[in-house]
Amino acid sequence: MNRLPVAERREQLIEAALTVASREGIDGATVRAVAAEAGVSLGVVHYCFRDKDELLRAMAHTITERNLGRGVAAMPESAPARDLVMAVLDELWSNIRATRGPQLLTYELTTTSLRHPELQQVGVDQYVVSWAAAERFLEEVERAAGIVWRVPRHLVARSIIATIDGFCLAWLVDGDDDAAYQGLRLFAEHLSSLAVPVDEAAMLGGTADDDDEPRAEVHPFAAPSVPSGVSALA
């Protein structure tokens, strides 16, 4: 067996674990199965990772980074907001369709982290990283299209991730490519409608967001009223 630096060996084992887990699910990604996939001894795996929990955390980090890094090309210097949003949507959907196993594994890792307190940070990290990436995308659209968003950027970012999650999970269930794509396009159209040219936002006298950029006037969502005598669900 070739001797590799620990960092390289860890990468090799993460790749082997992702291969096994994508094929057989989280439960199938035992330390023994990962060692066999990588062609190394059990001792090598235990040397690089204290236990399976540490290996799962490394897998989750790798998947999240790849999901965010694929499909989103560098923004052009100038383009309409709708064109930018739609172009990223097309690349994103192409990536999702080409990586069904890893997409399913993403949800498995999330739900596993909710079941096991020692892995709770896995799910937290997945979403913190995803929300931050969505905010960076929104910032890039602002720069390239010369717009601001009607609502605070962090709320739009959460909506993006929640919508992608929802349509992707439904697609994993029913395999309906067209329904998933058209649903994502519908959301992308809505997202584009939240973009306001900077000069128009200034004329509207929008309030400043956390980054002191102008924002168009926001009409907050009111909580639904509960008729008298009717108890709201907890």
C-alpha atoms as a PDB file:
ATOM      1  CA  MET A   1       0.000   0.000   0.000  1.00  0.00           C
ATOM      2  CA  ASN A   2       1.353   3.438  -0.943  1.00  0.00           C
ATOM      3  CA  ARG A   3       2.124   5.741   1.939  1.00  0.00           C
ATOM      4  CA  LEU A   4       0.213   8.996   1.555  1.00  0.00           C
ATOM      5  CA  PRO A   5       0.263  12.128   3.700  1.00  0.00           C
ATOM      6  CA  VAL A   6      -2.620  12.111   6.187  1.00  0.00           C
ATOM      7  CA  ALA A   7      -4.461  14.925   4.379  1.00  0.00           C
ATOM      8  CA  GLU A   8      -4.393  13.035   1.086  1.00  0.00           C
ATOM      9  CA  ARG A   9      -5.397   9.801   2.763  1.00  0.00           C
ATOM     10  CA  ARG A  10      -8.349  11.532   4.405  1.00  0.00           C
ATOM     11  CA  GLU A  11      -9.486  12.816   1.012  1.00  0.00           C
ATOM     12  CA  GLN A  12      -9.198   9.313  -0.418  1.00  0.00           C
ATOM     13  CA  LEU A  13     -11.284   7.883   2.423  1.00  0.00           C
ATOM     14  CA  ILE A  14     -13.918  10.620   2.130  1.00  0.00           C
ATOM     15  CA  GLU A  15     -14.275   9.805  -1.578  1.00  0.00           C
ATOM     16  CA  ALA A  16     -14.609   6.113  -0.760  1.00  0.00           C
ATOM     17  CA  ALA A  17     -17.201   6.866   1.936  1.00  0.00           C
ATOM     18  CA  LEU A  18     -19.211   9.042  -0.452  1.00  0.00           C
ATOM     19  CA  THR A  19     -19.147   6.295  -3.066  1.00  0.00           C
ATOM     20  CA  VAL A  20     -20.364   3.665  -0.605  1.00  0.00           C
ATOM     21  CA  ALA A  21     -22.991   5.938   0.981  1.00  0.00           C
ATOM     22  CA  SER A  22     -24.349   7.098  -2.387  1.00  0.00           C
ATOM     23  CA  ARG A  23     -24.700   3.470  -3.433  1.00  0.00           C
ATOM     24  CA  GLU A  24     -25.909   1.874  -0.202  1.00  0.00           C
ATOM     25  CA  GLY A  25     -27.051   4.730   2.047  1.00  0.00           C
ATOM     26  CA  ILE A  26     -25.620   6.090   5.291  1.00  0.00           C
ATOM     27  CA  ASP A  27     -26.130   2.833   7.178  1.00  0.00           C
ATOM     28  CA  GLY A  28     -24.099   0.991   4.566  1.00  0.00           C
ATOM     29  CA  ALA A  29     -21.136   3.315   4.933  1.00  0.00           C
ATOM     30  CA  THR A  30     -19.501   1.371   7.744  1.00  0.00           C
ATOM     31  CA  VAL A  31     -15.834   1.818   8.535  1.00  0.00           C
ATOM     32  CA  ARG A  32     -15.212  -1.680   7.195  1.00  0.00           C
ATOM     33  CA  ALA A  33     -17.047  -0.945   3.935  1.00  0.00           C
ATOM     34  CA  VAL A  34     -15.154   2.320   3.476  1.00  0.00           C
ATOM     35  CA  ALA A  35     -11.838   0.582   4.068  1.00  0.00           C
ATOM     36  CA  ALA A  36     -12.719  -2.083   1.502  1.00  0.00           C
ATOM     37  CA  GLU A  37     -13.780   0.544  -1.053  1.00  0.00           C
ATOM     38  CA  ALA A  38     -10.530   2.446  -0.572  1.00  0.00           C
ATOM     39  CA  GLY A  39      -8.434  -0.717  -0.546  1.00  0.00           C
ATOM     40  CA  VAL A  40      -6.890  -0.010   2.847  1.00  0.00           C
ATOM     41  CA  SER A  41      -6.930  -1.658   6.267  1.00  0.00           C
ATOM     42  CA  LEU A  42      -9.336  -0.761   9.055  1.00  0.00           C
ATOM     43  CA  GLY A  43      -6.383   0.647  10.967  1.00  0.00           C
ATOM     44  CA  VAL A  44      -5.773   3.245   8.256  1.00  0.00           C
ATOM     45  CA  VAL A  45      -9.354   4.500   8.502  1.00  0.00           C
ATOM     46  CA  HIS A  46      -9.188   4.716  12.300  1.00  0.00           C
ATOM     47  CA  TYR A  47      -5.874   6.532  12.060  1.00  0.00           C
ATOM     48  CA  CYS A  48      -7.394   9.243   9.864  1.00  0.00           C
ATOM     49  CA  PHE A  49     -10.801   9.476  11.564  1.00  0.00           C
ATOM     50  CA  ARG A  50     -11.524   8.910  15.240  1.00  0.00           C
ATOM     51  CA  ASP A  51     -14.860   7.265  14.471  1.00  0.00           C
ATOM     52  CA  LYS A  52     -17.683   7.106  11.947  1.00  0.00           C
ATOM     53  CA  ASP A  53     -19.171  10.337  13.290  1.00  0.00           C
ATOM     54  CA  GLU A  54     -16.065  12.284  12.350  1.00  0.00           C
ATOM     55  CA  LEU A  55     -16.113  10.660   8.927  1.00  0.00           C
ATOM     56  CA  LEU A  56     -19.786  11.629   8.459  1.00  0.00           C
ATOM     57  CA  ARG A  57     -18.996  15.228   9.338  1.00  0.00           C
ATOM     58  CA  ALA A  58     -16.217  15.276   6.757  1.00  0.00           C
ATOM     59  CA  MET A  59     -18.554  13.763   4.148  1.00  0.00           C
ATOM     60  CA  ALA A  60     -21.244  16.377   4.839  1.00  0.00           C
ATOM     61  CA  HIS A  61     -18.742  19.211   4.491  1.00  0.00           C
ATOM     62  CA  THR A  62     -17.467  17.855   1.176  1.00  0.00           C
ATOM     63  CA  ILE A  63     -20.960  17.388  -0.275  1.00  0.00           C
ATOM     64  CA  THR A  64     -22.094  20.856   0.771  1.00  0.00           C
ATOM     65  CA  GLU A  65     -19.035  22.487  -0.777  1.00  0.00           C
ATOM     66  CA  ARG A  66     -19.503  20.564  -4.032  1.00  0.00           C
ATOM     67  CA  ASN A  67     -23.207  21.280  -4.284  1.00  0.00           C
ATOM     68  CA  LEU A  68     -22.507  24.976  -3.916  1.00  0.00           C
ATOM     69  CA  GLY A  69     -19.482  25.059  -6.164  1.00  0.00           C
ATOM     70  CA  ARG A  70     -20.915  23.246  -9.175  1.00  0.00           C
ATOM     71  CA  GLY A  71     -22.963  24.847 -11.886  1.00  0.00           C
ATOM     72  CA  VAL A  72     -22.616  28.491 -10.869  1.00  0.00           C
ATOM     73  CA  ALA A  73     -20.263  30.106 -13.328  1.00  0.00           C
ATOM     74  CA  ALA A  74     -18.650  33.472 -12.675  1.00  0.00           C
ATOM     75  CA  MET A  75     -21.096  36.321 -13.101  1.00  0.00           C
ATOM     76  CA  PRO A  76     -20.640  38.482 -16.210  1.00  0.00           C
ATOM     77  CA  GLU A  77     -19.746  42.121 -15.770  1.00  0.00           C
ATOM     78  CA  SER A  78     -23.227  43.253 -16.752  1.00  0.00           C
ATOM     79  CA  ALA A  79     -26.551  41.523 -17.447  1.00  0.00           C
ATOM     80  CA  PRO A  80     -30.237  41.829 -16.504  1.00  0.00           C
ATOM     81  CA  ALA A  81     -31.123  40.258 -13.170  1.00  0.00           C
ATOM     82  CA  ARG A  82     -33.622  37.842 -14.728  1.00  0.00           C
ATOM     83  CA  ASP A  83     -31.046  36.542 -17.208  1.00  0.00           C
ATOM     84  CA  LEU A  84     -28.560  35.941 -14.396  1.00  0.00           C
ATOM     85  CA  VAL A  85     -31.062  34.148 -12.205  1.00  0.00           C
ATOM     86  CA  MET A  86     -32.303  31.937 -15.031  1.00  0.00           C
ATOM     87  CA  ALA A  87     -28.786  31.043 -16.167  1.00  0.00           C
ATOM     88  CA  VAL A  88     -27.815  29.954 -12.662  1.00  0.00           C
ATOM     89  CA  LEU A  89     -31.062  28.002 -12.345  1.00  0.00           C
ATOM     90  CA  ASP A  90     -30.317  26.058 -15.529  1.00  0.00           C
ATOM     91  CA  GLU A  91     -26.806  25.185 -14.346  1.00  0.00           C
ATOM     92  CA  LEU A  92     -28.080  24.261 -10.897  1.00  0.00           C
ATOM     93  CA  TRP A  93     -30.771  21.959 -12.245  1.00  0.00           C
ATOM     94  CA  SER A  94     -28.288  20.324 -14.628  1.00  0.00           C
ATOM     95  CA  ASN A  95     -26.036  19.572 -11.668  1.00  0.00           C
ATOM     96  CA  ILE A  96     -28.880  18.193  -9.544  1.00  0.00           C
ATOM     97  CA  ARG A  97     -29.999  15.826 -12.303  1.00  0.00           C
ATOM     98  CA  ALA A  98     -26.449  14.571 -12.815  1.00  0.00           C
ATOM     99  CA  THR A  99     -25.831  13.844  -9.116  1.00  0.00           C
ATOM    100  CA  ARG A 100     -28.903  12.010  -7.860  1.00  0.00           C
ATOM    101  CA  GLY A 101     -26.966   9.832  -5.413  1.00  0.00           C
ATOM    102  CA  PRO A 102     -25.132  12.702  -3.714  1.00  0.00           C
ATOM    103  CA  GLN A 103     -28.354  14.746  -3.585  1.00  0.00           C
ATOM    104  CA  LEU A 104     -30.139  11.928  -1.751  1.00  0.00           C
ATOM    105  CA  LEU A 105     -27.137  11.517   0.512  1.00  0.00           C
ATOM    106  CA  THR A 106     -27.349  15.207   1.442  1.00  0.00           C
ATOM    107  CA  TYR A 107     -30.816  14.692   2.926  1.00  0.00           C
ATOM    108  CA  GLU A 108     -29.767  11.489   4.621  1.00  0.00           C
ATOM    109  CA  LEU A 109     -26.921  13.302   6.341  1.00  0.00           C
ATOM    110  CA  THR A 110     -29.255  16.080   7.461  1.00  0.00           C
ATOM    111  CA  THR A 111     -31.873  13.769   8.953  1.00  0.00           C
ATOM    112  CA  THR A 112     -29.196  11.588  10.540  1.00  0.00           C
ATOM    113  CA  SER A 113     -27.756  14.652  12.255  1.00  0.00           C
ATOM    114  CA  LEU A 114     -31.197  15.462  13.684  1.00  0.00           C
ATOM    115  CA  ARG A 115     -31.486  11.949  15.121  1.00  0.00           C
ATOM    116  CA  HIS A 116     -28.087  11.927  16.788  1.00  0.00           C
ATOM    117  CA  PRO A 117     -27.116  14.802  19.126  1.00  0.00           C
ATOM    118  CA  GLU A 118     -23.404  14.219  18.551  1.00  0.00           C
ATOM    119  CA  LEU A 119     -23.951  14.964  14.851  1.00  0.00           C
ATOM    120  CA  GLN A 120     -26.227  17.990  15.281  1.00  0.00           C
ATOM    121  CA  GLN A 121     -23.551  20.341  13.989  1.00  0.00           C
ATOM    122  CA  VAL A 122     -23.562  18.512  10.650  1.00  0.00           C
ATOM    123  CA  GLY A 123     -27.029  19.791   9.790  1.00  0.00           C
ATOM    124  CA  VAL A 124     -26.302  23.241  11.182  1.00  0.00           C
ATOM    125  CA  ASP A 125     -23.147  23.553   9.100  1.00  0.00           C
ATOM    126  CA  GLN A 126     -24.951  22.382   5.948  1.00  0.00           C
ATOM    127  CA  TYR A 127     -27.468  25.191   6.188  1.00  0.00           C
ATOM    128  CA  VAL A 128     -25.170  27.931   7.445  1.00  0.00           C
ATOM    129  CA  VAL A 129     -22.835  27.329   4.503  1.00  0.00           C
ATOM    130  CA  SER A 130     -25.757  27.104   2.043  1.00  0.00           C
ATOM    131  CA  TRP A 131     -27.387  30.333   3.267  1.00  0.00           C
ATOM    132  CA  ALA A 132     -24.067  32.165   3.057  1.00  0.00           C
ATOM    133  CA  ALA A 133     -23.500  30.923  -0.507  1.00  0.00           C
ATOM    134  CA  ALA A 134     -26.994  32.065  -1.529  1.00  0.00           C
ATOM    135  CA  GLU A 135     -26.288  35.504  -0.084  1.00  0.00           C
ATOM    136  CA  ARG A 136     -23.059  35.708  -2.072  1.00  0.00           C
ATOM    137  CA  PHE A 137     -25.014  34.826  -5.217  1.00  0.00           C
ATOM    138  CA  LEU A 138     -27.513  37.609  -4.475  1.00  0.00           C
ATOM    139  CA  GLU A 139     -24.673  40.073  -3.950  1.00  0.00           C
ATOM    140  CA  GLU A 140     -23.190  39.089  -7.301  1.00  0.00           C
ATOM    141  CA  VAL A 141     -26.539  39.634  -9.012  1.00  0.00           C
ATOM    142  CA  GLU A 142     -26.739  43.070  -7.406  1.00  0.00           C
ATOM    143  CA  ARG A 143     -23.303  43.946  -8.735  1.00  0.00           C
ATOM    144  CA  ALA A 144     -23.764  42.616 -12.264  1.00  0.00           C
ATOM    145  CA  ALA A 145     -27.351  43.803 -12.772  1.00  0.00           C
ATOM    146  CA  GLY A 146     -27.177  47.083 -10.857  1.00  0.00           C
ATOM    147  CA  ILE A 147     -30.115  46.217  -8.628  1.00  0.00           C
ATOM    148  CA  VAL A 148     -31.109  45.883  -4.996  1.00  0.00           C
ATOM    149  CA  TRP A 149     -33.603  43.481  -3.447  1.00  0.00           C
ATOM    150  CA  ARG A 150     -37.027  44.478  -2.159  1.00  0.00           C
ATOM    151  CA  VAL A 151     -36.518  42.430   0.996  1.00  0.00           C
ATOM    152  CA  PRO A 152     -33.446  41.806   3.186  1.00  0.00           C
ATOM    153  CA  ARG A 153     -30.908  39.634   1.427  1.00  0.00           C
ATOM    154  CA  HIS A 154     -30.672  37.045   4.204  1.00  0.00           C
ATOM    155  CA  LEU A 155     -34.411  36.324   3.938  1.00  0.00           C
ATOM    156  CA  VAL A 156     -34.183  35.897   0.171  1.00  0.00           C
ATOM    157  CA  ALA A 157     -31.210  33.554   0.674  1.00  0.00           C
ATOM    158  CA  ARG A 158     -33.190  31.351   3.041  1.00  0.00           C
ATOM    159  CA  SER A 159     -36.093  31.266   0.581  1.00  0.00           C
ATOM    160  CA  ILE A 160     -33.752  30.147  -2.194  1.00  0.00           C
ATOM    161  CA  ILE A 161     -32.317  27.262  -0.191  1.00  0.00           C
ATOM    162  CA  ALA A 162     -35.725  26.181   1.130  1.00  0.00           C
ATOM    163  CA  THR A 163     -37.207  26.172  -2.384  1.00  0.00           C
ATOM    164  CA  ILE A 164     -34.323  24.233  -3.913  1.00  0.00           C
ATOM    165  CA  ASP A 165     -34.528  21.714  -1.075  1.00  0.00           C
ATOM    166  CA  GLY A 166     -38.258  21.272  -1.551  1.00  0.00           C
ATOM    167  CA  PHE A 167     -38.212  20.737  -5.300  1.00  0.00           C
ATOM    168  CA  CYS A 168     -35.107  18.558  -5.179  1.00  0.00           C
ATOM    169  CA  LEU A 169     -36.592  16.291  -2.517  1.00  0.00           C
ATOM    170  CA  ALA A 170     -39.873  16.002  -4.432  1.00  0.00           C
ATOM    171  CA  TRP A 171     -37.894  15.131  -7.577  1.00  0.00           C
ATOM    172  CA  LEU A 172     -36.022  12.415  -5.688  1.00  0.00           C
ATOM    173  CA  VAL A 173     -39.421  10.973  -4.742  1.00  0.00           C
ATOM    174  CA  ASP A 174     -41.284  11.107  -8.051  1.00  0.00           C
ATOM    175  CA  GLY A 175     -38.505  11.510 -10.624  1.00  0.00           C
ATOM    176  CA  ASP A 176     -40.543  14.070 -12.584  1.00  0.00           C
ATOM    177  CA  ASP A 177     -37.836  16.152 -14.261  1.00  0.00           C
ATOM    178  CA  ASP A 178     -40.209  18.557 -15.974  1.00  0.00           C
ATOM    179  CA  ALA A 179     -42.303  19.293 -12.889  1.00  0.00           C
ATOM    180  CA  ALA A 180     -39.208  20.016 -10.818  1.00  0.00           C
ATOM    181  CA  TYR A 181     -37.628  22.221 -13.466  1.00  0.00           C
ATOM    182  CA  GLN A 182     -40.802  24.182 -14.167  1.00  0.00           C
ATOM    183  CA  GLY A 183     -41.377  24.671 -10.457  1.00  0.00           C
ATOM    184  CA  LEU A 184     -37.866  26.004 -10.024  1.00  0.00           C
ATOM    185  CA  ARG A 185     -38.363  28.319 -13.006  1.00  0.00           C
ATOM    186  CA  LEU A 186     -41.538  29.653 -11.434  1.00  0.00           C
ATOM    187  CA  PHE A 187     -39.616  30.487  -8.284  1.00  0.00           C
ATOM    188  CA  ALA A 188     -36.817  32.048 -10.342  1.00  0.00           C
ATOM    189  CA  GLU A 189     -39.381  34.326 -12.012  1.00  0.00           C
ATOM    190  CA  HIS A 190     -40.591  35.365  -8.553  1.00  0.00           C
ATOM    191  CA  LEU A 191     -37.028  35.948  -7.400  1.00  0.00           C
ATOM    192  CA  SER A 192     -36.379  38.148 -10.426  1.00  0.00           C
ATOM    193  CA  SER A 193     -39.440  40.234  -9.543  1.00  0.00           C
ATOM    194  CA  LEU A 194     -37.804  41.128  -6.218  1.00  0.00           C
ATOM    195  CA  ALA A 195     -34.984  42.939  -8.023  1.00  0.00           C
ATOM    196  CA  VAL A 196     -35.274  46.726  -8.248  1.00  0.00           C
ATOM    197  CA  PRO A 197     -32.884  48.967 -10.216  1.00  0.00           C
ATOM    198  CA  VAL A 198     -30.708  51.001  -7.868  1.00  0.00           C
ATOM    199  CA  ASP A 199     -31.903  54.361  -9.209  1.00  0.00           C
ATOM    200  CA  GLU A 200     -35.552  53.320  -8.862  1.00  0.00           C
ATOM    201  CA  ALA A 201     -34.962  52.137  -5.315  1.00  0.00           C
ATOM    202  CA  ALA A 202     -33.395  55.500  -4.476  1.00  0.00           C
ATOM    203  CA  MET A 203     -36.455  57.351  -5.806  1.00  0.00           C
ATOM    204  CA  LEU A 204     -38.693  55.134  -3.683  1.00  0.00           C
ATOM    205  CA  GLY A 205     -36.741  56.169  -0.616  1.00  0.00           C
ATOM    206  CA  GLY A 206     -36.003  52.600   0.448  1.00  0.00           C
ATOM    207  CA  THR A 207     -34.541  51.861   3.840  1.00  0.00           C
ATOM    208  CA  ALA A 208     -30.967  50.675   4.288  1.00  0.00           C
ATOM    209  CA  ASP A 209     -30.166  47.049   4.942  1.00  0.00           C
ATOM    210  CA  ASP A 210     -27.329  45.719   7.090  1.00  0.00           C
ATOM    211  CA  ASP A 211     -24.837  46.644   4.377  1.00  0.00           C
ATOM    212  CA  ASP A 212     -26.166  50.236   4.073  1.00  0.00           C
ATOM    213  CA  GLU A 213     -27.279  49.617   0.489  1.00  0.00           C
ATOM    214  CA  PRO A 214     -30.592  51.175  -0.571  1.00  0.00           C
ATOM    215  CA  ARG A 215     -33.647  48.949  -0.466  1.00  0.00           C
ATOM    216  CA  ALA A 216     -37.026  49.443  -2.095  1.00  0.00           C
ATOM    217  CA  GLU A 217     -39.944  49.895   0.252  1.00  0.00           C
ATOM    218  CA  VAL A 218     -40.821  46.662   2.026  1.00  0.00           C
ATOM    219  CA  HIS A 219     -44.327  45.698   3.008  1.00  0.00           C
ATOM    220  CA  PRO A 220     -43.939  43.246   5.895  1.00  0.00           C
ATOM    221  CA  PHE A 221     -45.980  40.075   5.965  1.00  0.00           C
ATOM    222  CA  ALA A 222     -48.735  40.255   8.533  1.00  0.00           C
ATOM    223  CA  ALA A 223     -49.461  37.205  10.647  1.00  0.00           C
ATOM    224  CA  PRO A 224     -52.798  35.616   9.709  1.00  0.00           C
ATOM    225  CA  SER A 225     -55.577  36.554  12.075  1.00  0.00           C
ATOM    226  CA  VAL A 226     -57.357  33.832  14.003  1.00  0.00           C
ATOM    227  CA  PRO A 227     -61.175  34.103  14.105  1.00  0.00           C
ATOM    228  CA  SER A 228     -62.715  34.525  17.509  1.00  0.00           C
ATOM    229  CA  GLY A 229     -63.250  31.242  19.273  1.00  0.00           C
ATOM    230  CA  VAL A 230     -60.739  29.381  17.127  1.00  0.00           C
ATOM    231  CA  SER A 231     -57.455  28.257  18.676  1.00  0.00           C
ATOM    232  CA  ALA A 232     -54.280  28.531  16.593  1.00  0.00           C
ATOM    233  CA  LEU A 233     -52.266  25.375  16.142  1.00  0.00           C
ATOM    234  CA  ALA A 234     -49.011  25.277  18.078  1.00  0.00           C
END
